[in-house]
Amino acid sequence: MLAVITFDAVSLRMLEQLLDEGRLPVLQELRRRGEWTRLRTPGRHFSAGVYQELFSGTELAANGLYNPFQWSASEQRLRYMLDRPAPEAVWDRLAGAGKRSLVLDPWEARRAEQDAGTVISGWQFTNRFTLRSWSVPDGLNSPLVSRFGPPPTVEEVFGRPSLSRLKRLRRELVSAPARLADAATGLIRKEPFDLMWIGIPAVHIAGHQLMDPGSQLWDAASGARGVSAEDRHELETALVDVYTAADAAIGRLLEAMPADTDVIVLSSVGMDVNTSRADLLPGMLRSVLRGRADPERGDAGGTWIWRLRARLPTDIRTRVAHSLPGGLLYDLTARLELRGVDWTQTRAFALPTDLHGYVRLNIGGREREGIVEPEDADELMDEIAEGLLTFRDPDGGPAVEAVERVVDVLGDGPGLHHMPDLVVRWADRPATRLAGVGSPKFGDVARRGGGSGRSGNHRADAWALIVPGTCRRRETTGPPSLIDFAPTVCSLLDVDRDGLVGEPLLEPR
């Protein structure tokens, strides 16, 4: 049997420190027995594009699913990712070959297409954008709910967090890994599976919300009365508490598995202090395209939805979001992102993102309302890149590290039709305290509100810990990649690998 456990979106810096201190004994023992390796990943430019690569073994340039909100050129609008087809997940491929899988809480996964054994999403907690509640077969989670209770709802709503929300998040996320182990250990002992694919999503949310207790976001959470010493300690230790809870849950899973199980623990993307200035990009881009500074007026970052986030308190937006059905929430969010854009005057626009910036050109013949001649695209991309690189943080340091063309980053592929043309990589410095950025040529761009409210965001620190059981490590032609895990599963279980370009990482002894 093969077990893939996603200890996902972990801070490699913190993980290595906790391992050195002996505070993650299960991972420490697995590391002693196995091989720790870094992974090639598109996460340096597309942190949300890693999951379909991992689940399906299909490269991002082919599937184009780089973000929860995707651009539809033929409609001149954004759509939620569920409106676009996704490549076949490896557990669906196994189901077609008669193999059985136990899949729990795969992050940003689509509903399983076939009865693949036991597949449950939204067990440890539910999140309407990334961990929706479903099971295949339907109702499979009902006995678990009867025994362990329903999952809590853990939503991220962009904006300054309140102290009460952070404390509630901490309670729910620290308890989530034990909830996983309670359900998974019983299911493992109930019937044999060919594949176990187990997610620990609490690590991901905790990294976004509980990463940096020194940032202004924590100060804002205190309100007028300040934060008590007890509350501050509870929040400052929260992320470590989630990591240690996840380590303990992995230990319980391993105890329930057959002793000769081949085990892979991996993180498909990393996490650390938030460096994103994505909410400022729309204003920066407008200034560059306008081609002149406007010191009297200045400019403000953000699209219409960022401005709405700045005006309305987070708790009010949270209540509104909870009251909307999922489909309506997805569509409303997509429409608000680019509300009010005059396409007859727009040569390029910023696509929604929560980390690096994404810019797409409004090209005639590609976009329904495109105005840029295709032969002018290269010159316009150069103009945008040169302009954005002039922006500085208030301390004088560069705001932008690089502006890169997506085709140069990923190569060509059918998925690029749905993707941005440019990626704006921000300077690798904390950005949560920034009031804005400025350019000597294009003027100042002010931040509205507190940005995303995330104190942590992604890094391209993908890694895997491969611990052979009945198998052995296989030599590959290059460094391991995210697209290698689906071929590894199929190879070990004698399932067709047609269409998969990666290499198996394990082979029978």
Protein backbone atom coordinates (compact mmCIF):
# COMPACT_ATOMS: atom_id res chain seq x y z
CA MET A 1 0.00 0.00 0.00
CA LEU A 2 1.12 3.58 -0.72
CA ALA A 3 0.30 6.51 1.55
CA VAL A 4 0.68 10.14 0.42
CA ILE A 5 0.31 12.65 3.26
CA THR A 6 0.26 16.34 2.36
CA PHE A 7 1.76 18.38 5.21
CA ASP A 8 1.09 21.26 2.89
CA ALA A 9 2.08 24.93 2.73
CA VAL A 10 4.47 24.59 5.66
CA SER A 11 7.15 27.12 6.56
CA LEU A 12 10.38 25.30 5.80
CA ARG A 13 12.25 27.68 8.10
CA MET A 14 9.99 26.85 11.04
CA LEU A 15 9.81 23.17 10.18
CA GLU A 16 13.59 22.77 10.22
CA GLN A 17 13.81 24.65 13.52
CA LEU A 18 11.18 22.43 15.15
CA LEU A 19 12.89 19.30 13.81
CA ASP A 20 16.21 20.47 15.23
CA GLU A 21 14.53 21.06 18.59
CA GLY A 22 12.98 17.57 18.57
CA ARG A 23 9.41 18.94 18.65
CA LEU A 24 8.21 16.96 15.62
CA PRO A 25 9.25 13.43 16.62
CA VAL A 26 7.21 11.59 13.97
CA LEU A 27 8.61 13.58 11.05
CA GLN A 28 12.04 13.37 12.63
CA GLU A 29 11.88 9.57 12.64
CA LEU A 30 10.55 9.45 9.07
CA ARG A 31 13.38 11.71 7.98
CA ARG A 32 15.88 9.36 9.60
CA ARG A 33 14.40 6.38 7.74
CA GLY A 34 13.76 8.00 4.38
CA GLU A 35 15.02 10.52 1.84
CA TRP A 36 14.29 14.22 2.08
CA THR A 37 14.28 15.94 -1.32
CA ARG A 38 13.35 19.35 -2.71
CA LEU A 39 10.80 19.42 -5.55
CA ARG A 40 10.55 21.30 -8.82
CA THR A 41 7.31 23.22 -8.83
CA PRO A 42 5.53 26.14 -10.55
CA GLY A 43 4.96 27.59 -7.06
CA ARG A 44 7.59 30.31 -7.45
CA HIS A 45 5.23 32.04 -9.87
CA PHE A 46 1.87 30.27 -9.41
CA SER A 47 1.36 29.10 -5.84
CA ALA A 48 -2.23 27.98 -6.51
CA GLY A 49 -1.19 26.14 -9.67
CA VAL A 50 0.58 23.36 -7.79
CA TYR A 51 -2.46 21.30 -6.84
CA GLN A 52 -3.67 20.10 -10.21
CA GLU A 53 -0.09 19.22 -11.10
CA LEU A 54 0.15 17.16 -7.94
CA PHE A 55 -3.24 15.45 -8.22
CA SER A 56 -3.12 14.68 -11.93
CA GLY A 57 0.50 14.66 -13.05
CA THR A 58 -0.43 17.25 -15.69
CA GLU A 59 1.78 20.30 -16.11
CA LEU A 60 0.38 23.77 -15.44
CA ALA A 61 1.12 24.91 -19.00
CA ALA A 62 -1.23 22.17 -20.18
CA ASN A 63 -4.11 22.56 -17.72
CA GLY A 64 -3.95 26.34 -17.13
CA LEU A 65 -5.58 26.10 -13.67
CA TYR A 66 -3.34 28.62 -11.96
CA ASN A 67 -5.85 30.37 -9.69
CA PRO A 68 -9.34 29.84 -8.18
CA PHE A 69 -10.61 32.63 -10.46
CA GLN A 70 -9.87 32.13 -14.14
CA TRP A 71 -10.10 34.57 -17.05
CA SER A 72 -12.56 33.79 -19.85
CA ALA A 73 -11.37 35.70 -22.92
CA SER A 74 -14.47 34.85 -24.98
CA GLU A 75 -16.73 36.38 -22.30
CA GLN A 76 -14.41 39.20 -21.16
CA ARG A 77 -14.94 38.20 -17.54
CA LEU A 78 -13.68 36.07 -14.69
CA ARG A 79 -15.13 32.71 -13.78
CA TYR A 80 -14.64 30.44 -10.77
CA MET A 81 -12.38 27.48 -11.51
CA LEU A 82 -15.21 24.94 -11.25
CA ASP A 83 -16.53 26.30 -14.56
CA ARG A 84 -13.47 24.89 -16.30
CA PRO A 85 -12.66 21.18 -16.68
CA ALA A 86 -9.76 19.78 -14.69
CA PRO A 87 -7.43 16.91 -15.60
CA GLU A 88 -8.22 13.51 -14.14
CA ALA A 89 -7.11 13.10 -10.52
CA VAL A 90 -4.97 10.05 -9.83
CA TRP A 91 -7.62 8.48 -7.55
CA ASP A 92 -10.14 8.65 -10.41
CA ARG A 93 -7.59 7.01 -12.69
CA LEU A 94 -7.16 4.25 -10.10
CA ALA A 95 -10.92 3.81 -9.75
CA GLY A 96 -11.18 3.15 -13.48
CA ALA A 97 -8.71 0.30 -13.01
CA GLY A 98 -10.62 -1.22 -10.10
CA LYS A 99 -8.30 0.08 -7.37
CA ARG A 100 -9.59 1.50 -4.12
CA SER A 101 -8.41 4.71 -2.49
CA LEU A 102 -8.93 6.45 0.82
CA VAL A 103 -8.82 10.19 0.08
CA LEU A 104 -9.41 12.72 2.86
CA ASP A 105 -9.39 16.50 2.45
CA PRO A 106 -7.38 17.10 -0.73
CA TRP A 107 -6.88 20.88 -0.95
CA GLU A 108 -8.62 22.56 -3.91
CA ALA A 109 -9.57 19.19 -5.42
CA ARG A 110 -12.59 18.61 -7.65
CA ARG A 111 -15.32 16.20 -6.66
CA ALA A 112 -14.27 12.64 -7.49
CA GLU A 113 -15.73 11.44 -10.78
CA GLN A 114 -16.00 7.76 -9.85
CA ASP A 115 -16.62 5.61 -6.80
CA ALA A 116 -12.96 5.30 -5.96
CA GLY A 117 -13.35 3.79 -2.48
CA THR A 118 -13.72 6.41 0.25
CA VAL A 119 -13.27 10.02 -0.86
CA ILE A 120 -14.26 12.80 1.54
CA SER A 121 -13.65 16.54 1.28
CA GLY A 122 -14.38 19.01 4.08
CA TRP A 123 -13.97 16.61 7.00
CA GLN A 124 -11.50 18.41 9.25
CA PHE A 125 -13.22 21.69 8.42
CA THR A 126 -15.01 23.18 5.45
CA ASN A 127 -13.98 26.13 3.32
CA ARG A 128 -16.22 27.12 0.42
CA PHE A 129 -13.34 28.08 -1.88
CA THR A 130 -10.71 25.45 -1.12
CA LEU A 131 -12.21 22.60 0.90
CA ARG A 132 -15.85 22.21 -0.08
CA SER A 133 -17.97 19.57 1.63
CA TRP A 134 -18.65 16.46 -0.51
CA SER A 135 -18.11 12.73 -0.49
CA VAL A 136 -18.08 9.92 -3.04
CA PRO A 137 -20.25 7.96 -2.64
CA ASP A 138 -22.74 10.59 -1.38
CA GLY A 139 -23.43 10.45 2.34
CA LEU A 140 -20.23 8.56 3.07
CA ASN A 141 -19.32 11.02 5.82
CA SER A 142 -22.67 10.72 7.64
CA PRO A 143 -21.57 7.93 10.04
CA LEU A 144 -18.44 9.91 10.84
CA VAL A 145 -20.48 13.03 11.58
CA SER A 146 -22.76 11.00 13.83
CA ARG A 147 -19.74 9.75 15.76
CA PHE A 148 -17.42 12.76 15.82
CA GLY A 149 -19.74 15.68 15.10
CA PRO A 150 -19.99 18.00 12.07
CA PRO A 151 -16.91 19.85 10.80
CA PRO A 152 -16.49 23.51 11.70
CA THR A 153 -16.46 26.17 9.00
CA VAL A 154 -13.11 27.88 8.54
CA GLU A 155 -13.30 30.71 6.02
CA GLU A 156 -10.68 33.29 5.10
CA VAL A 157 -12.15 36.75 4.57
CA PHE A 158 -9.60 39.31 3.38
CA GLY A 159 -9.11 42.30 5.65
CA ARG A 160 -7.78 43.05 9.12
CA PRO A 161 -8.60 40.15 11.46
CA SER A 162 -10.25 40.65 14.82
CA LEU A 163 -8.78 39.17 17.98
CA SER A 164 -11.83 36.95 18.48
CA ARG A 165 -11.57 35.57 14.93
CA LEU A 166 -7.88 34.76 15.33
CA LYS A 167 -8.51 32.98 18.62
CA ARG A 168 -11.38 30.99 17.09
CA LEU A 169 -9.16 30.06 14.14
CA ARG A 170 -6.48 28.85 16.49
CA ARG A 171 -8.89 26.56 18.38
CA GLU A 172 -10.34 25.07 15.20
CA LEU A 173 -7.02 24.57 13.43
CA VAL A 174 -5.18 23.05 16.38
CA SER A 175 -7.98 20.51 16.83
CA ALA A 176 -8.36 19.65 13.12
CA PRO A 177 -5.45 17.14 12.80
CA ALA A 178 -6.81 15.03 15.67
CA ARG A 179 -10.21 15.02 13.95
CA LEU A 180 -8.45 13.72 10.84
CA ALA A 181 -6.73 10.94 12.79
CA ASP A 182 -9.99 9.94 14.54
CA ALA A 183 -11.72 9.33 11.20
CA ALA A 184 -8.78 8.00 9.19
CA THR A 185 -7.58 5.41 11.66
CA GLY A 186 -11.02 3.84 11.84
CA LEU A 187 -11.39 3.81 8.05
CA ILE A 188 -7.91 2.30 7.57
CA ARG A 189 -8.71 -0.55 9.95
CA LYS A 190 -12.14 -1.13 8.40
CA GLU A 191 -10.98 -2.18 4.92
CA PRO A 192 -7.79 -2.41 2.83
CA PHE A 193 -6.93 0.35 0.37
CA ASP A 194 -4.45 0.48 -2.48
CA LEU A 195 -3.80 4.20 -2.01
CA MET A 196 -4.23 6.57 0.90
CA TRP A 197 -4.09 10.27 0.04
CA ILE A 198 -4.43 12.29 3.24
CA GLY A 199 -4.43 16.08 3.55
CA ILE A 200 -3.74 18.18 6.66
CA PRO A 201 -5.19 21.54 5.57
CA ALA A 202 -4.97 23.18 9.00
CA VAL A 203 -1.28 23.77 8.34
CA HIS A 204 -2.16 25.78 5.22
CA ILE A 205 -4.74 28.13 6.77
CA ALA A 206 -2.65 28.57 9.91
CA GLY A 207 0.32 29.65 7.82
CA HIS A 208 -1.74 32.40 6.18
CA GLN A 209 -3.39 33.69 9.33
CA LEU A 210 -1.06 32.90 12.25
CA MET A 211 2.42 33.32 10.77
CA ASP A 212 3.74 36.65 12.04
CA PRO A 213 2.76 37.80 15.55
CA GLY A 214 4.90 40.92 15.17
CA SER A 215 3.04 42.43 12.24
CA GLN A 216 0.58 45.30 12.36
CA LEU A 217 -2.20 42.79 11.76
CA TRP A 218 -1.76 41.48 15.27
CA ASP A 219 -1.64 45.02 16.62
CA ALA A 220 -4.90 45.78 14.80
CA ALA A 221 -6.45 42.65 16.28
CA SER A 222 -5.95 44.03 19.77
CA GLY A 223 -8.40 46.88 19.33
CA ALA A 224 -8.41 49.74 21.80
CA ARG A 225 -8.10 47.60 24.92
CA GLY A 226 -4.90 45.84 23.95
CA VAL A 227 -4.07 42.16 23.97
CA SER A 228 -3.69 40.38 27.27
CA ALA A 229 -0.47 38.48 27.95
CA GLU A 230 -2.46 35.24 27.83
CA ASP A 231 -4.03 36.04 24.48
CA ARG A 232 -0.71 37.16 23.00
CA HIS A 233 1.00 33.95 24.10
CA GLU A 234 -1.88 31.88 22.70
CA LEU A 235 -1.56 33.55 19.30
CA GLU A 236 2.24 33.65 19.20
CA THR A 237 2.45 29.90 19.76
CA ALA A 238 -0.53 29.01 17.55
CA LEU A 239 1.35 28.03 14.39
CA VAL A 240 3.76 25.80 16.30
CA ASP A 241 0.79 24.20 18.05
CA VAL A 242 -0.79 23.38 14.67
CA TYR A 243 2.46 21.86 13.40
CA THR A 244 2.89 19.69 16.47
CA ALA A 245 -0.76 18.59 16.28
CA ALA A 246 -0.21 17.62 12.63
CA ASP A 247 2.91 15.64 13.57
CA ALA A 248 0.97 13.74 16.23
CA ALA A 249 -1.84 12.97 13.75
CA ILE A 250 0.67 11.56 11.26
CA GLY A 251 1.97 9.31 14.03
CA ARG A 252 -1.52 7.94 14.66
CA LEU A 253 -2.02 7.35 10.92
CA LEU A 254 1.25 5.43 10.66
CA GLU A 255 0.30 3.22 13.61
CA ALA A 256 -2.93 2.24 11.85
CA MET A 257 -1.25 1.47 8.50
CA PRO A 258 0.38 -1.84 7.60
CA ALA A 259 4.00 -1.82 8.73
CA ASP A 260 5.36 -2.16 5.18
CA THR A 261 3.42 0.80 3.75
CA ASP A 262 5.39 3.03 1.38
CA VAL A 263 5.00 6.55 2.77
CA ILE A 264 5.43 9.94 1.13
CA VAL A 265 5.00 13.12 3.17
CA LEU A 266 5.13 16.24 1.04
CA SER A 267 4.52 19.95 0.86
CA SER A 268 3.71 21.14 -2.67
CA VAL A 269 4.26 24.80 -1.80
CA GLY A 270 5.86 26.66 1.10
CA MET A 271 4.83 29.45 3.47
CA ASP A 272 6.48 32.33 5.30
CA VAL A 273 5.94 35.98 6.20
CA ASN A 274 3.69 37.72 3.67
CA THR A 275 5.56 39.71 1.01
CA SER A 276 2.61 40.33 -1.32
CA ARG A 277 1.73 43.75 -2.67
CA ALA A 278 -0.91 42.30 -5.03
CA ASP A 279 -3.64 44.67 -3.83
CA LEU A 280 -1.45 47.58 -4.99
CA LEU A 281 -0.85 46.23 -8.49
CA PRO A 282 -4.03 47.58 -10.14
CA GLY A 283 -3.11 51.12 -9.11
CA MET A 284 0.53 50.64 -10.13
CA LEU A 285 -0.55 49.32 -13.52
CA ARG A 286 -3.00 52.18 -14.07
CA SER A 287 -0.22 54.66 -13.35
CA VAL A 288 2.18 53.00 -15.79
CA LEU A 289 -0.42 52.80 -18.57
CA ARG A 290 -1.41 56.42 -17.96
CA GLY A 291 2.25 57.23 -18.52
CA ARG A 292 2.54 60.14 -16.13
CA ALA A 293 2.78 60.97 -12.47
CA ASP A 294 -0.18 62.70 -10.80
CA PRO A 295 1.24 64.04 -7.52
CA GLU A 296 -1.83 66.13 -6.74
CA ARG A 297 -4.26 63.24 -6.94
CA GLY A 298 -2.05 60.21 -6.42
CA ASP A 299 -3.62 56.83 -7.04
CA ALA A 300 -5.07 54.01 -4.99
CA GLY A 301 -4.31 50.36 -5.28
CA GLY A 302 -6.94 47.75 -5.72
CA THR A 303 -9.79 46.82 -7.97
CA TRP A 304 -13.39 47.47 -7.01
CA ILE A 305 -13.45 44.43 -4.70
CA TRP A 306 -10.30 45.58 -2.87
CA ARG A 307 -11.92 48.97 -2.29
CA LEU A 308 -15.04 47.25 -0.94
CA ARG A 309 -12.90 45.17 1.41
CA ALA A 310 -11.28 48.34 2.72
CA ARG A 311 -14.61 50.03 3.42
CA LEU A 312 -16.53 47.24 5.14
CA PRO A 313 -15.39 45.62 8.40
CA THR A 314 -14.23 42.03 8.04
CA ASP A 315 -16.87 40.65 10.40
CA ILE A 316 -19.69 42.19 8.34
CA ARG A 317 -18.30 40.75 5.08
CA THR A 318 -17.91 37.39 6.80
CA ARG A 319 -21.60 37.32 7.74
CA VAL A 320 -22.64 38.35 4.22
CA ALA A 321 -20.45 35.66 2.64
CA HIS A 322 -21.86 32.98 4.93
CA SER A 323 -25.41 33.94 3.93
CA LEU A 324 -24.81 33.41 0.19
CA PRO A 325 -25.06 30.05 -1.61
CA GLY A 326 -21.72 28.80 -2.93
CA GLY A 327 -22.46 29.33 -6.62
CA LEU A 328 -23.73 32.87 -6.07
CA LEU A 329 -20.72 33.71 -3.88
CA TYR A 330 -18.28 32.50 -6.56
CA ASP A 331 -20.03 34.44 -9.33
CA LEU A 332 -20.43 37.62 -7.27
CA THR A 333 -16.76 37.61 -6.27
CA ALA A 334 -15.67 37.05 -9.87
CA ARG A 335 -17.83 39.89 -11.15
CA LEU A 336 -16.75 42.38 -8.47
CA GLU A 337 -13.05 41.87 -9.22
CA LEU A 338 -13.20 43.80 -12.52
CA ARG A 339 -16.40 45.76 -12.07
CA GLY A 340 -16.50 49.07 -13.88
CA VAL A 341 -13.59 48.47 -16.27
CA ASP A 342 -13.90 50.43 -19.51
CA TRP A 343 -12.58 47.88 -21.96
CA THR A 344 -12.47 50.37 -24.81
CA GLN A 345 -9.70 52.22 -22.94
CA THR A 346 -7.97 49.28 -21.18
CA ARG A 347 -4.78 47.96 -22.75
CA ALA A 348 -3.90 45.67 -19.83
CA PHE A 349 -5.44 44.72 -16.51
CA ALA A 350 -4.51 43.00 -13.26
CA LEU A 351 -6.02 39.56 -12.68
CA PRO A 352 -7.03 38.55 -9.13
CA THR A 353 -4.35 37.00 -7.00
CA ASP A 354 -3.31 36.82 -3.37
CA LEU A 355 0.47 36.62 -3.80
CA HIS A 356 2.37 37.57 -6.95
CA GLY A 357 0.83 39.99 -9.40
CA TYR A 358 -0.71 38.84 -12.69
CA VAL A 359 -1.18 41.10 -15.73
CA ARG A 360 -3.07 40.19 -18.89
CA LEU A 361 -3.12 42.23 -22.09
CA ASN A 362 -6.44 43.12 -23.70
CA ILE A 363 -5.46 41.74 -27.11
CA GLY A 364 -7.73 42.02 -30.12
CA GLY A 365 -8.74 38.67 -31.59
CA ARG A 366 -8.04 36.92 -28.28
CA GLU A 367 -10.18 38.91 -25.87
CA ARG A 368 -13.78 39.52 -26.88
CA GLU A 369 -13.30 43.27 -26.43
CA GLY A 370 -9.57 43.42 -27.07
CA ILE A 371 -8.02 46.69 -28.29
CA VAL A 372 -4.28 45.87 -28.42
CA GLU A 373 -2.99 44.76 -31.80
CA PRO A 374 -1.18 41.40 -31.47
CA GLU A 375 1.94 42.83 -33.10
CA ASP A 376 2.08 45.51 -30.35
CA ALA A 377 1.97 43.03 -27.47
CA ASP A 378 5.73 42.65 -27.00
CA GLU A 379 6.30 46.39 -26.84
CA LEU A 380 3.43 46.82 -24.35
CA MET A 381 4.75 44.06 -22.09
CA ASP A 382 8.17 45.74 -22.07
CA GLU A 383 6.55 49.09 -21.23
CA ILE A 384 4.63 47.57 -18.32
CA ALA A 385 7.65 45.66 -16.97
CA GLU A 386 9.93 48.71 -17.12
CA GLY A 387 7.32 50.87 -15.42
CA LEU A 388 6.50 48.48 -12.59
CA LEU A 389 10.19 48.02 -11.79
CA THR A 390 10.44 51.74 -10.92
CA PHE A 391 8.19 51.39 -7.87
CA ARG A 392 9.78 51.52 -4.43
CA ASP A 393 8.65 50.82 -0.89
CA PRO A 394 8.55 53.76 1.56
CA ASP A 395 12.03 52.83 2.85
CA GLY A 396 13.47 53.18 -0.65
CA GLY A 397 13.85 49.48 -1.33
CA PRO A 398 12.45 47.99 -4.56
CA ALA A 399 8.82 46.86 -4.44
CA VAL A 400 9.19 44.54 -7.43
CA GLU A 401 11.87 41.90 -7.84
CA ALA A 402 11.07 40.89 -11.41
CA VAL A 403 8.39 41.04 -14.12
CA GLU A 404 8.45 37.90 -16.24
CA ARG A 405 6.56 36.64 -19.27
CA VAL A 406 4.53 33.54 -18.51
CA VAL A 407 5.57 31.82 -21.73
CA ASP A 408 9.21 32.20 -20.63
CA VAL A 409 8.41 30.76 -17.20
CA LEU A 410 6.25 27.79 -18.23
CA GLY A 411 6.97 27.27 -21.91
CA ASP A 412 4.17 26.97 -24.42
CA GLY A 413 1.04 24.92 -23.83
CA PRO A 414 -2.74 24.91 -24.36
CA GLY A 415 -3.38 26.14 -20.82
CA LEU A 416 -1.63 29.46 -21.41
CA HIS A 417 -4.73 30.74 -23.21
CA HIS A 418 -6.41 31.03 -19.78
CA MET A 419 -3.45 32.54 -17.95
CA PRO A 420 -1.87 35.97 -17.48
CA ASP A 421 0.77 37.28 -19.83
CA LEU A 422 3.04 38.68 -17.11
CA VAL A 423 3.93 37.65 -13.57
CA VAL A 424 5.02 40.37 -11.15
CA ARG A 425 7.25 38.91 -8.43
CA TRP A 426 7.47 41.11 -5.37
CA ALA A 427 10.60 41.96 -3.42
CA ASP A 428 11.29 39.33 -0.78
CA ARG A 429 10.57 41.54 2.23
CA PRO A 430 7.59 41.68 4.61
CA ALA A 431 4.83 43.83 3.15
CA THR A 432 2.06 43.76 5.77
CA ARG A 433 3.00 47.18 7.20
CA LEU A 434 3.24 49.01 3.89
CA ALA A 435 1.04 52.10 3.46
CA GLY A 436 1.74 52.08 -0.26
CA VAL A 437 4.47 52.26 -2.89
CA GLY A 438 5.81 55.04 -5.06
CA SER A 439 7.60 55.65 -8.34
CA PRO A 440 9.67 58.73 -9.25
CA LYS A 441 8.09 58.56 -12.71
CA PHE A 442 4.52 57.42 -12.04
CA GLY A 443 3.74 58.75 -8.57
CA ASP A 444 2.43 57.16 -5.38
CA VAL A 445 -0.05 54.31 -5.00
CA ALA A 446 -1.72 54.12 -1.59
CA ARG A 447 -2.94 50.97 0.06
CA ARG A 448 -6.62 50.88 1.01
CA GLY A 449 -7.24 49.13 4.31
CA GLY A 450 -4.92 46.37 5.44
CA GLY A 451 -4.52 44.46 2.21
CA SER A 452 -5.38 40.78 2.38
CA GLY A 453 -4.99 40.59 6.16
CA ARG A 454 -2.76 37.54 5.78
CA SER A 455 0.38 37.65 7.90
CA GLY A 456 1.81 34.68 5.95
CA ASN A 457 1.90 33.77 2.28
CA HIS A 458 3.44 31.24 -0.06
CA ARG A 459 7.02 30.44 -1.00
CA ALA A 460 8.30 27.96 -3.57
CA ASP A 461 9.66 25.64 -0.85
CA ALA A 462 8.24 22.34 -2.08
CA TRP A 463 9.70 19.16 -0.62
CA ALA A 464 8.99 15.48 -0.16
CA LEU A 465 10.01 12.93 2.43
CA ILE A 466 10.03 9.52 0.74
CA VAL A 467 10.09 6.52 3.09
CA PRO A 468 10.08 3.19 1.21
CA GLY A 469 8.29 0.18 2.66
CA THR A 470 8.08 -2.71 0.20
CA CYS A 471 9.59 -0.53 -2.56
CA ARG A 472 12.85 1.30 -3.10
CA ARG A 473 13.79 4.74 -4.40
CA ARG A 474 14.04 4.80 -8.18
CA GLU A 475 16.71 6.75 -10.03
CA THR A 476 15.20 9.53 -12.16
CA THR A 477 16.62 11.59 -15.01
CA GLY A 478 16.23 14.88 -13.13
CA PRO A 479 15.25 16.38 -9.78
CA PRO A 480 11.84 15.17 -8.52
CA SER A 481 8.83 17.25 -9.53
CA LEU A 482 5.20 17.57 -8.50
CA ILE A 483 4.18 15.84 -11.73
CA ASP A 484 6.07 12.70 -10.61
CA PHE A 485 3.66 11.64 -7.86
CA ALA A 486 0.73 10.55 -10.03
CA PRO A 487 3.07 8.35 -12.17
CA THR A 488 4.54 6.95 -8.94
CA VAL A 489 1.09 5.91 -7.73
CA CYS A 490 0.14 4.38 -11.08
CA SER A 491 3.44 2.55 -11.51
CA LEU A 492 3.32 0.91 -8.09
CA LEU A 493 -0.31 -0.14 -8.53
CA ASP A 494 0.02 -1.37 -12.14
CA VAL A 495 -2.31 1.29 -13.55
CA ASP A 496 -1.97 2.80 -17.03
CA ARG A 497 0.24 5.92 -17.12
CA ASP A 498 -0.86 7.13 -20.56
CA GLY A 499 -0.60 10.91 -20.84
CA LEU A 500 1.57 11.34 -17.73
CA VAL A 501 4.93 12.95 -18.47
CA GLY A 502 6.49 12.57 -15.02
CA GLU A 503 8.65 9.72 -13.74
CA PRO A 504 7.92 7.22 -10.95
CA LEU A 505 9.94 7.91 -7.81
CA LEU A 506 9.58 4.39 -6.37
CA GLU A 507 9.88 0.89 -7.83
CA PRO A 508 9.44 -2.65 -6.47
CA ARG A 509 12.50 -4.12 -4.76
